[in-house]
Amino acid sequence: MSNDFIYEFRNECKKNREYLGYSFYDVSVSLIDVSEADYENFENGKCMLSKENIERLARVLCVKRPISFDINDYIDTDGLSKEEIKDLSNIIFELEGDNNA
């Protein structure tokens, strides 16, 4: 693996762990033979995890974040209330689905 990929993967792990509200311990218990300190060292770039633990980590910290969707880019919202715009945004997001994921 390239150093850039590893750096980016570690950053994503950290961001997703924090986004989910997990502690180092919470993540470490889902991995094989990895202590809380070992996982913290991994995020800090001081050690590497096994291939199997990297695969587990990707599953544990896989996050689909909400997509910021601006309905004004697609339809004219002049004269609509904020609630109406929000409802239309939700409907369009549901219709659009995961095609862009």
PDB file of N, CA and C in Angstrom:
ATOM      1  N   MET A   1       0.837  -1.178   0.000  1.00  0.00           N
ATOM      2  CA  MET A   1       0.000   0.000   0.000  1.00  0.00           C
ATOM      3  C   MET A   1       0.881   1.241   0.000  1.00  0.00           C
ATOM      4  N   SER A   2       0.425   2.254  -0.711  1.00  0.00           N
ATOM      5  CA  SER A   2       1.201   3.487  -0.752  1.00  0.00           C
ATOM      6  C   SER A   2       1.031   4.265   0.549  1.00  0.00           C
ATOM      7  N   ASN A   3       2.015   5.089   0.849  1.00  0.00           N
ATOM      8  CA  ASN A   3       1.962   5.891   2.065  1.00  0.00           C
ATOM      9  C   ASN A   3       0.790   6.862   2.051  1.00  0.00           C
ATOM     10  N   ASP A   4       0.461   7.406   0.867  1.00  0.00           N
ATOM     11  CA  ASP A   4      -0.669   8.326   0.764  1.00  0.00           C
ATOM     12  C   ASP A   4      -1.982   7.632   1.114  1.00  0.00           C
ATOM     13  N   PHE A   5      -2.146   6.407   0.614  1.00  0.00           N
ATOM     14  CA  PHE A   5      -3.361   5.655   0.902  1.00  0.00           C
ATOM     15  C   PHE A   5      -3.466   5.361   2.401  1.00  0.00           C
ATOM     16  N   ILE A   6      -2.378   4.927   3.001  1.00  0.00           N
ATOM     17  CA  ILE A   6      -2.371   4.602   4.428  1.00  0.00           C
ATOM     18  C   ILE A   6      -2.691   5.845   5.251  1.00  0.00           C
ATOM     19  N   TYR A   7      -2.088   6.977   4.904  1.00  0.00           N
ATOM     20  CA  TYR A   7      -2.342   8.232   5.607  1.00  0.00           C
ATOM     21  C   TYR A   7      -3.822   8.614   5.495  1.00  0.00           C
ATOM     22  N   GLU A   8      -4.374   8.524   4.294  1.00  0.00           N
ATOM     23  CA  GLU A   8      -5.776   8.868   4.075  1.00  0.00           C
ATOM     24  C   GLU A   8      -6.692   7.896   4.826  1.00  0.00           C
ATOM     25  N   PHE A   9      -6.361   6.601   4.809  1.00  0.00           N
ATOM     26  CA  PHE A   9      -7.168   5.607   5.508  1.00  0.00           C
ATOM     27  C   PHE A   9      -7.182   5.891   7.010  1.00  0.00           C
ATOM     28  N   ARG A  10      -6.028   6.197   7.579  1.00  0.00           N
ATOM     29  CA  ARG A  10      -5.964   6.514   9.017  1.00  0.00           C
ATOM     30  C   ARG A  10      -6.799   7.744   9.348  1.00  0.00           C
ATOM     31  N   ASN A  11      -6.709   8.753   8.510  1.00  0.00           N
ATOM     32  CA  ASN A  11      -7.508   9.957   8.746  1.00  0.00           C
ATOM     33  C   ASN A  11      -9.003   9.671   8.683  1.00  0.00           C
ATOM     34  N   GLU A  12      -9.409   8.858   7.713  1.00  0.00           N
ATOM     35  CA  GLU A  12     -10.819   8.494   7.604  1.00  0.00           C
ATOM     36  C   GLU A  12     -11.264   7.683   8.826  1.00  0.00           C
ATOM     37  N   CYS A  13     -10.402   6.780   9.283  1.00  0.00           N
ATOM     38  CA  CYS A  13     -10.734   5.995  10.476  1.00  0.00           C
ATOM     39  C   CYS A  13     -10.969   6.910  11.666  1.00  0.00           C
ATOM     40  N   LYS A  14     -10.090   7.869  11.832  1.00  0.00           N
ATOM     41  CA  LYS A  14     -10.206   8.797  12.958  1.00  0.00           C
ATOM     42  C   LYS A  14     -11.488   9.625  12.843  1.00  0.00           C
ATOM     43  N   LYS A  15     -11.729  10.202  11.659  1.00  0.00           N
ATOM     44  CA  LYS A  15     -12.930  11.020  11.463  1.00  0.00           C
ATOM     45  C   LYS A  15     -14.199  10.206  11.689  1.00  0.00           C
ATOM     46  N   ASN A  16     -14.245   8.982  11.146  1.00  0.00           N
ATOM     47  CA  ASN A  16     -15.436   8.156  11.286  1.00  0.00           C
ATOM     48  C   ASN A  16     -15.630   7.679  12.722  1.00  0.00           C
ATOM     49  N   ARG A  17     -14.542   7.352  13.401  1.00  0.00           N
ATOM     50  CA  ARG A  17     -14.646   6.929  14.804  1.00  0.00           C
ATOM     51  C   ARG A  17     -15.228   8.065  15.635  1.00  0.00           C
ATOM     52  N   GLU A  18     -14.719   9.265  15.427  1.00  0.00           N
ATOM     53  CA  GLU A  18     -15.225  10.415  16.162  1.00  0.00           C
ATOM     54  C   GLU A  18     -16.663  10.732  15.775  1.00  0.00           C
ATOM     55  N   TYR A  19     -16.995  10.634  14.496  1.00  0.00           N
ATOM     56  CA  TYR A  19     -18.345  10.888  14.009  1.00  0.00           C
ATOM     57  C   TYR A  19     -19.347   9.928  14.663  1.00  0.00           C
ATOM     58  N   LEU A  20     -18.940   8.669  14.807  1.00  0.00           N
ATOM     59  CA  LEU A  20     -19.804   7.657  15.417  1.00  0.00           C
ATOM     60  C   LEU A  20     -19.804   7.724  16.943  1.00  0.00           C
ATOM     61  N   GLY A  21     -18.892   8.481  17.514  1.00  0.00           N
ATOM     62  CA  GLY A  21     -18.816   8.605  18.967  1.00  0.00           C
ATOM     63  C   GLY A  21     -18.132   7.429  19.631  1.00  0.00           C
ATOM     64  N   TYR A  22     -17.307   6.690  18.883  1.00  0.00           N
ATOM     65  CA  TYR A  22     -16.591   5.546  19.437  1.00  0.00           C
ATOM     66  C   TYR A  22     -15.291   5.990  20.101  1.00  0.00           C
ATOM     67  N   SER A  23     -14.936   5.300  21.168  1.00  0.00           N
ATOM     68  CA  SER A  23     -13.631   5.519  21.801  1.00  0.00           C
ATOM     69  C   SER A  23     -12.617   4.596  21.141  1.00  0.00           C
ATOM     70  N   PHE A  24     -11.338   4.773  21.494  1.00  0.00           N
ATOM     71  CA  PHE A  24     -10.316   3.860  20.989  1.00  0.00           C
ATOM     72  C   PHE A  24     -10.645   2.439  21.437  1.00  0.00           C
ATOM     73  N   TYR A  25     -11.130   2.320  22.670  1.00  0.00           N
ATOM     74  CA  TYR A  25     -11.475   1.004  23.204  1.00  0.00           C
ATOM     75  C   TYR A  25     -12.608   0.370  22.396  1.00  0.00           C
ATOM     76  N   ASP A  26     -13.643   1.145  22.099  1.00  0.00           N
ATOM     77  CA  ASP A  26     -14.786   0.621  21.334  1.00  0.00           C
ATOM     78  C   ASP A  26     -14.337  -0.011  20.020  1.00  0.00           C
ATOM     79  N   VAL A  27     -13.420   0.633  19.339  1.00  0.00           N
ATOM     80  CA  VAL A  27     -12.938   0.114  18.061  1.00  0.00           C
ATOM     81  C   VAL A  27     -12.013  -1.079  18.292  1.00  0.00           C
ATOM     82  N   SER A  28     -11.145  -0.977  19.283  1.00  0.00           N
ATOM     83  CA  SER A  28     -10.154  -2.038  19.507  1.00  0.00           C
ATOM     84  C   SER A  28     -10.799  -3.380  19.818  1.00  0.00           C
ATOM     85  N   VAL A  29     -11.943  -3.392  20.514  1.00  0.00           N
ATOM     86  CA  VAL A  29     -12.573  -4.667  20.866  1.00  0.00           C
ATOM     87  C   VAL A  29     -13.182  -5.368  19.648  1.00  0.00           C
ATOM     88  N   SER A  30     -13.365  -4.642  18.557  1.00  0.00           N
ATOM     89  CA  SER A  30     -13.899  -5.276  17.348  1.00  0.00           C
ATOM     90  C   SER A  30     -12.788  -5.844  16.468  1.00  0.00           C
ATOM     91  N   LEU A  31     -11.540  -5.630  16.876  1.00  0.00           N
ATOM     92  CA  LEU A  31     -10.394  -6.121  16.120  1.00  0.00           C
ATOM     93  C   LEU A  31      -9.770  -7.311  16.831  1.00  0.00           C
ATOM     94  N   ILE A  32      -8.896  -8.023  16.141  1.00  0.00           N
ATOM     95  CA  ILE A  32      -8.275  -9.230  16.684  1.00  0.00           C
ATOM     96  C   ILE A  32      -6.942  -8.880  17.337  1.00  0.00           C
ATOM     97  N   ASP A  33      -6.848  -9.174  18.628  1.00  0.00           N
ATOM     98  CA  ASP A  33      -5.617  -8.962  19.395  1.00  0.00           C
ATOM     99  C   ASP A  33      -5.060  -7.539  19.275  1.00  0.00           C
ATOM    100  N   VAL A  34      -5.937  -6.559  19.373  1.00  0.00           N
ATOM    101  CA  VAL A  34      -5.523  -5.157  19.310  1.00  0.00           C
ATOM    102  C   VAL A  34      -6.018  -4.478  20.589  1.00  0.00           C
ATOM    103  N   SER A  35      -5.071  -3.931  21.351  1.00  0.00           N
ATOM    104  CA  SER A  35      -5.439  -3.229  22.580  1.00  0.00           C
ATOM    105  C   SER A  35      -5.880  -1.808  22.241  1.00  0.00           C
ATOM    106  N   GLU A  36      -6.436  -1.164  23.231  1.00  0.00           N
ATOM    107  CA  GLU A  36      -6.837   0.234  23.075  1.00  0.00           C
ATOM    108  C   GLU A  36      -5.628   1.087  22.681  1.00  0.00           C
ATOM    109  N   ALA A  37      -4.505   0.872  23.350  1.00  0.00           N
ATOM    110  CA  ALA A  37      -3.273   1.626  23.045  1.00  0.00           C
ATOM    111  C   ALA A  37      -2.772   1.309  21.638  1.00  0.00           C
ATOM    112  N   ASP A  38      -2.870   0.039  21.220  1.00  0.00           N
ATOM    113  CA  ASP A  38      -2.445  -0.332  19.868  1.00  0.00           C
ATOM    114  C   ASP A  38      -3.270   0.407  18.817  1.00  0.00           C
ATOM    115  N   TYR A  39      -4.590   0.456  19.036  1.00  0.00           N
ATOM    116  CA  TYR A  39      -5.429   1.140  18.058  1.00  0.00           C
ATOM    117  C   TYR A  39      -5.129   2.639  18.033  1.00  0.00           C
ATOM    118  N   GLU A  40      -4.942   3.228  19.198  1.00  0.00           N
ATOM    119  CA  GLU A  40      -4.595   4.649  19.252  1.00  0.00           C
ATOM    120  C   GLU A  40      -3.278   4.898  18.514  1.00  0.00           C
ATOM    121  N   ASN A  41      -2.311   4.006  18.704  1.00  0.00           N
ATOM    122  CA  ASN A  41      -1.033   4.120  17.988  1.00  0.00           C
ATOM    123  C   ASN A  41      -1.227   4.001  16.479  1.00  0.00           C
ATOM    124  N   PHE A  42      -2.138   3.142  16.052  1.00  0.00           N
ATOM    125  CA  PHE A  42      -2.435   3.017  14.624  1.00  0.00           C
ATOM    126  C   PHE A  42      -2.949   4.345  14.072  1.00  0.00           C
ATOM    127  N   GLU A  43      -3.937   4.945  14.749  1.00  0.00           N
ATOM    128  CA  GLU A  43      -4.478   6.215  14.271  1.00  0.00           C
ATOM    129  C   GLU A  43      -3.424   7.313  14.256  1.00  0.00           C
ATOM    130  N   ASN A  44      -2.484   7.240  15.188  1.00  0.00           N
ATOM    131  CA  ASN A  44      -1.429   8.249  15.276  1.00  0.00           C
ATOM    132  C   ASN A  44      -0.244   7.949  14.361  1.00  0.00           C
ATOM    133  N   GLY A  45      -0.335   6.873  13.586  1.00  0.00           N
ATOM    134  CA  GLY A  45       0.705   6.547  12.618  1.00  0.00           C
ATOM    135  C   GLY A  45       1.926   5.883  13.208  1.00  0.00           C
ATOM    136  N   LYS A  46       1.807   5.342  14.414  1.00  0.00           N
ATOM    137  CA  LYS A  46       2.959   4.743  15.077  1.00  0.00           C
ATOM    138  C   LYS A  46       3.061   3.235  14.856  1.00  0.00           C
ATOM    139  N   CYS A  47       2.015   2.626  14.324  1.00  0.00           N
ATOM    140  CA  CYS A  47       2.076   1.196  14.018  1.00  0.00           C
ATOM    141  C   CYS A  47       1.072   0.871  12.922  1.00  0.00           C
ATOM    142  N   MET A  48       1.170  -0.323  12.388  1.00  0.00           N
ATOM    143  CA  MET A  48       0.276  -0.783  11.327  1.00  0.00           C
ATOM    144  C   MET A  48      -0.513  -1.965  11.843  1.00  0.00           C
ATOM    145  N   LEU A  49      -1.700  -2.170  11.326  1.00  0.00           N
ATOM    146  CA  LEU A  49      -2.526  -3.314  11.695  1.00  0.00           C
ATOM    147  C   LEU A  49      -2.405  -4.403  10.639  1.00  0.00           C
ATOM    148  N   SER A  50      -2.798  -5.608  11.015  1.00  0.00           N
ATOM    149  CA  SER A  50      -2.773  -6.718  10.065  1.00  0.00           C
ATOM    150  C   SER A  50      -3.824  -6.507   8.974  1.00  0.00           C
ATOM    151  N   LYS A  51      -3.674  -7.218   7.886  1.00  0.00           N
ATOM    152  CA  LYS A  51      -4.631  -7.120   6.774  1.00  0.00           C
ATOM    153  C   LYS A  51      -6.039  -7.458   7.252  1.00  0.00           C
ATOM    154  N   GLU A  52      -6.157  -8.509   8.060  1.00  0.00           N
ATOM    155  CA  GLU A  52      -7.465  -8.919   8.571  1.00  0.00           C
ATOM    156  C   GLU A  52      -8.089  -7.820   9.433  1.00  0.00           C
ATOM    157  N   ASN A  53      -7.274  -7.173  10.260  1.00  0.00           N
ATOM    158  CA  ASN A  53      -7.799  -6.091  11.095  1.00  0.00           C
ATOM    159  C   ASN A  53      -8.144  -4.854  10.279  1.00  0.00           C
ATOM    160  N   ILE A  54      -7.403  -4.595   9.214  1.00  0.00           N
ATOM    161  CA  ILE A  54      -7.740  -3.476   8.323  1.00  0.00           C
ATOM    162  C   ILE A  54      -9.105  -3.725   7.689  1.00  0.00           C
ATOM    163  N   GLU A  55      -9.353  -4.971   7.254  1.00  0.00           N
ATOM    164  CA  GLU A  55     -10.644  -5.314   6.667  1.00  0.00           C
ATOM    165  C   GLU A  55     -11.765  -5.166   7.693  1.00  0.00           C
ATOM    166  N   ARG A  56     -11.530  -5.618   8.917  1.00  0.00           N
ATOM    167  CA  ARG A  56     -12.526  -5.461   9.984  1.00  0.00           C
ATOM    168  C   ARG A  56     -12.776  -3.985  10.275  1.00  0.00           C
ATOM    169  N   LEU A  57     -11.716  -3.222  10.325  1.00  0.00           N
ATOM    170  CA  LEU A  57     -11.812  -1.800  10.614  1.00  0.00           C
ATOM    171  C   LEU A  57     -12.653  -1.089   9.559  1.00  0.00           C
ATOM    172  N   ALA A  58     -12.470  -1.448   8.312  1.00  0.00           N
ATOM    173  CA  ALA A  58     -13.256  -0.847   7.236  1.00  0.00           C
ATOM    174  C   ALA A  58     -14.742  -1.139   7.429  1.00  0.00           C
ATOM    175  N   ARG A  59     -15.075  -2.330   7.897  1.00  0.00           N
ATOM    176  CA  ARG A  59     -16.482  -2.671   8.141  1.00  0.00           C
ATOM    177  C   ARG A  59     -17.019  -1.959   9.372  1.00  0.00           C
ATOM    178  N   VAL A  60     -16.233  -1.872  10.423  1.00  0.00           N
ATOM    179  CA  VAL A  60     -16.674  -1.249  11.670  1.00  0.00           C
ATOM    180  C   VAL A  60     -16.908   0.247  11.487  1.00  0.00           C
ATOM    181  N   LEU A  61     -16.021   0.887  10.761  1.00  0.00           N
ATOM    182  CA  LEU A  61     -16.086   2.339  10.630  1.00  0.00           C
ATOM    183  C   LEU A  61     -16.670   2.809   9.310  1.00  0.00           C
ATOM    184  N   CYS A  62     -17.335   1.920   8.589  1.00  0.00           N
ATOM    185  CA  CYS A  62     -17.963   2.291   7.329  1.00  0.00           C
ATOM    186  C   CYS A  62     -19.139   3.222   7.641  1.00  0.00           C
ATOM    187  N   VAL A  63     -19.109   4.414   7.085  1.00  0.00           N
ATOM    188  CA  VAL A  63     -20.118   5.412   7.400  1.00  0.00           C
ATOM    189  C   VAL A  63     -20.658   6.016   6.119  1.00  0.00           C
ATOM    190  N   LYS A  64     -21.973   6.106   6.044  1.00  0.00           N
ATOM    191  CA  LYS A  64     -22.585   6.849   4.953  1.00  0.00           C
ATOM    192  C   LYS A  64     -23.094   8.142   5.563  1.00  0.00           C
ATOM    193  N   ARG A  65     -22.380   9.208   5.304  1.00  0.00           N
ATOM    194  CA  ARG A  65     -22.743  10.504   5.878  1.00  0.00           C
ATOM    195  C   ARG A  65     -23.894  11.125   5.086  1.00  0.00           C
ATOM    196  N   PRO A  66     -24.686  11.939   5.768  1.00  0.00           N
ATOM    197  CA  PRO A  66     -25.755  12.643   5.049  1.00  0.00           C
ATOM    198  C   PRO A  66     -25.179  13.509   3.934  1.00  0.00           C
ATOM    199  N   ILE A  67     -25.872  13.534   2.823  1.00  0.00           N
ATOM    200  CA  ILE A  67     -25.430  14.317   1.681  1.00  0.00           C
ATOM    201  C   ILE A  67     -26.086  15.687   1.744  1.00  0.00           C
ATOM    202  N   SER A  68     -25.285  16.718   1.618  1.00  0.00           N
ATOM    203  CA  SER A  68     -25.814  18.071   1.579  1.00  0.00           C
ATOM    204  C   SER A  68     -26.438  18.272   0.198  1.00  0.00           C
ATOM    205  N   PHE A  69     -27.709  18.546   0.181  1.00  0.00           N
ATOM    206  CA  PHE A  69     -28.437  18.613  -1.081  1.00  0.00           C
ATOM    207  C   PHE A  69     -29.114  19.974  -1.178  1.00  0.00           C
ATOM    208  N   ASP A  70     -28.780  20.767  -2.181  1.00  0.00           N
ATOM    209  CA  ASP A  70     -29.383  22.088  -2.368  1.00  0.00           C
ATOM    210  C   ASP A  70     -30.404  22.014  -3.493  1.00  0.00           C
ATOM    211  N   ILE A  71     -31.667  22.027  -3.093  1.00  0.00           N
ATOM    212  CA  ILE A  71     -32.753  21.897  -4.065  1.00  0.00           C
ATOM    213  C   ILE A  71     -32.779  23.062  -5.049  1.00  0.00           C
ATOM    214  N   ASN A  72     -32.253  24.217  -4.625  1.00  0.00           N
ATOM    215  CA  ASN A  72     -32.247  25.387  -5.500  1.00  0.00           C
ATOM    216  C   ASN A  72     -31.465  25.152  -6.780  1.00  0.00           C
ATOM    217  N   ASP A  73     -30.580  24.171  -6.773  1.00  0.00           N
ATOM    218  CA  ASP A  73     -29.830  23.839  -7.979  1.00  0.00           C
ATOM    219  C   ASP A  73     -30.701  23.135  -9.016  1.00  0.00           C
ATOM    220  N   TYR A  74     -31.862  22.636  -8.603  1.00  0.00           N
ATOM    221  CA  TYR A  74     -32.681  21.814  -9.489  1.00  0.00           C
ATOM    222  C   TYR A  74     -34.045  22.415  -9.824  1.00  0.00           C
ATOM    223  N   ILE A  75     -34.648  23.126  -8.874  1.00  0.00           N
ATOM    224  CA  ILE A  75     -35.967  23.706  -9.147  1.00  0.00           C
ATOM    225  C   ILE A  75     -36.042  25.113  -8.571  1.00  0.00           C
ATOM    226  N   ASP A  76     -37.034  25.863  -9.033  1.00  0.00           N
ATOM    227  CA  ASP A  76     -37.261  27.220  -8.536  1.00  0.00           C
ATOM    228  C   ASP A  76     -38.002  27.136  -7.206  1.00  0.00           C
ATOM    229  N   THR A  77     -37.385  27.654  -6.162  1.00  0.00           N
ATOM    230  CA  THR A  77     -37.999  27.602  -4.827  1.00  0.00           C
ATOM    231  C   THR A  77     -38.486  28.967  -4.361  1.00  0.00           C
ATOM    232  N   ASP A  78     -38.522  29.929  -5.270  1.00  0.00           N
ATOM    233  CA  ASP A  78     -39.017  31.264  -4.899  1.00  0.00           C
ATOM    234  C   ASP A  78     -40.437  31.158  -4.364  1.00  0.00           C
ATOM    235  N   GLY A  79     -40.673  31.803  -3.236  1.00  0.00           N
ATOM    236  CA  GLY A  79     -42.013  31.830  -2.657  1.00  0.00           C
ATOM    237  C   GLY A  79     -42.343  30.645  -1.771  1.00  0.00           C
ATOM    238  N   LEU A  80     -41.440  29.672  -1.651  1.00  0.00           N
ATOM    239  CA  LEU A  80     -41.698  28.518  -0.789  1.00  0.00           C
ATOM    240  C   LEU A  80     -41.127  28.757   0.602  1.00  0.00           C
ATOM    241  N   SER A  81     -41.796  28.207   1.602  1.00  0.00           N
ATOM    242  CA  SER A  81     -41.300  28.326   2.975  1.00  0.00           C
ATOM    243  C   SER A  81     -40.122  27.371   3.174  1.00  0.00           C
ATOM    244  N   LYS A  82     -39.381  27.575   4.262  1.00  0.00           N
ATOM    245  CA  LYS A  82     -38.257  26.687   4.577  1.00  0.00           C
ATOM    246  C   LYS A  82     -38.734  25.252   4.755  1.00  0.00           C
ATOM    247  N   GLU A  83     -39.900  25.075   5.365  1.00  0.00           N
ATOM    248  CA  GLU A  83     -40.442  23.720   5.571  1.00  0.00           C
ATOM    249  C   GLU A  83     -40.773  23.061   4.237  1.00  0.00           C
ATOM    250  N   GLU A  84     -41.365  23.826   3.322  1.00  0.00           N
ATOM    251  CA  GLU A  84     -41.687  23.280   2.005  1.00  0.00           C
ATOM    252  C   GLU A  84     -40.418  22.908   1.237  1.00  0.00           C
ATOM    253  N   ILE A  85     -39.398  23.747   1.338  1.00  0.00           N
ATOM    254  CA  ILE A  85     -38.122  23.457   0.668  1.00  0.00           C
ATOM    255  C   ILE A  85     -37.494  22.203   1.264  1.00  0.00           C
ATOM    256  N   LYS A  86     -37.541  22.066   2.579  1.00  0.00           N
ATOM    257  CA  LYS A  86     -36.984  20.876   3.240  1.00  0.00           C
ATOM    258  C   LYS A  86     -37.733  19.623   2.800  1.00  0.00           C
ATOM    259  N   ASP A  87     -39.068  19.695   2.748  1.00  0.00           N
ATOM    260  CA  ASP A  87     -39.860  18.547   2.301  1.00  0.00           C
ATOM    261  C   ASP A  87     -39.515  18.161   0.862  1.00  0.00           C
ATOM    262  N   LEU A  88     -39.392  19.154  -0.015  1.00  0.00           N
ATOM    263  CA  LEU A  88     -39.030  18.871  -1.405  1.00  0.00           C
ATOM    264  C   LEU A  88     -37.629  18.267  -1.494  1.00  0.00           C
ATOM    265  N   SER A  89     -36.709  18.781  -0.692  1.00  0.00           N
ATOM    266  CA  SER A  89     -35.353  18.236  -0.680  1.00  0.00           C
ATOM    267  C   SER A  89     -35.367  16.771  -0.289  1.00  0.00           C
ATOM    268  N   ASN A  90     -36.134  16.434   0.742  1.00  0.00           N
ATOM    269  CA  ASN A  90     -36.221  15.036   1.195  1.00  0.00           C
ATOM    270  C   ASN A  90     -36.828  14.138   0.129  1.00  0.00           C
ATOM    271  N   ILE A  91     -37.858  14.629  -0.544  1.00  0.00           N
ATOM    272  CA  ILE A  91     -38.499  13.836  -1.596  1.00  0.00           C
ATOM    273  C   ILE A  91     -37.520  13.602  -2.748  1.00  0.00           C
ATOM    274  N   ILE A  92     -36.826  14.646  -3.171  1.00  0.00           N
ATOM    275  CA  ILE A  92     -35.870  14.502  -4.271  1.00  0.00           C
ATOM    276  C   ILE A  92     -34.731  13.576  -3.870  1.00  0.00           C
ATOM    277  N   PHE A  93     -34.249  13.712  -2.632  1.00  0.00           N
ATOM    278  CA  PHE A  93     -33.182  12.835  -2.159  1.00  0.00           C
ATOM    279  C   PHE A  93     -33.632  11.375  -2.180  1.00  0.00           C
ATOM    280  N   GLU A  94     -34.869  11.100  -1.743  1.00  0.00           N
ATOM    281  CA  GLU A  94     -35.386   9.729  -1.756  1.00  0.00           C
ATOM    282  C   GLU A  94     -35.524   9.210  -3.184  1.00  0.00           C
ATOM    283  N   LEU A  95     -36.006  10.050  -4.084  1.00  0.00           N
ATOM    284  CA  LEU A  95     -36.156   9.634  -5.480  1.00  0.00           C
ATOM    285  C   LEU A  95     -34.812   9.395  -6.144  1.00  0.00           C
ATOM    286  N   GLU A  96     -33.828  10.233  -5.800  1.00  0.00           N
ATOM    287  CA  GLU A  96     -32.504  10.100  -6.386  1.00  0.00           C
ATOM    288  C   GLU A  96     -31.836   8.817  -5.933  1.00  0.00           C
ATOM    289  N   GLY A  97     -32.051   8.417  -4.684  1.00  0.00           N
ATOM    290  CA  GLY A  97     -31.506   7.173  -4.165  1.00  0.00           C
ATOM    291  C   GLY A  97     -30.013   7.190  -4.047  1.00  0.00           C
ATOM    292  N   ASP A  98     -29.403   6.012  -4.176  1.00  0.00           N
ATOM    293  CA  ASP A  98     -27.966   5.832  -3.995  1.00  0.00           C
ATOM    294  C   ASP A  98     -27.206   5.822  -5.312  1.00  0.00           C
ATOM    295  N   ASN A  99     -27.781   6.362  -6.357  1.00  0.00           N
ATOM    296  CA  ASN A  99     -27.131   6.318  -7.664  1.00  0.00           C
ATOM    297  C   ASN A  99     -25.784   7.035  -7.675  1.00  0.00           C
ATOM    298  N   ASN A 100     -25.637   8.032  -6.835  1.00  0.00           N
ATOM    299  CA  ASN A 100     -24.402   8.819  -6.827  1.00  0.00           C
ATOM    300  C   ASN A 100     -23.490   8.409  -5.696  1.00  0.00           C
ATOM    301  N   ALA A 101     -23.828   7.371  -4.969  1.00  0.00           N
ATOM    302  CA  ALA A 101     -23.008   6.951  -3.823  1.00  0.00           C
ATOM    303  C   ALA A 101     -21.753   6.287  -4.264  1.00  0.00           C
TER     304      ALA A 101
END
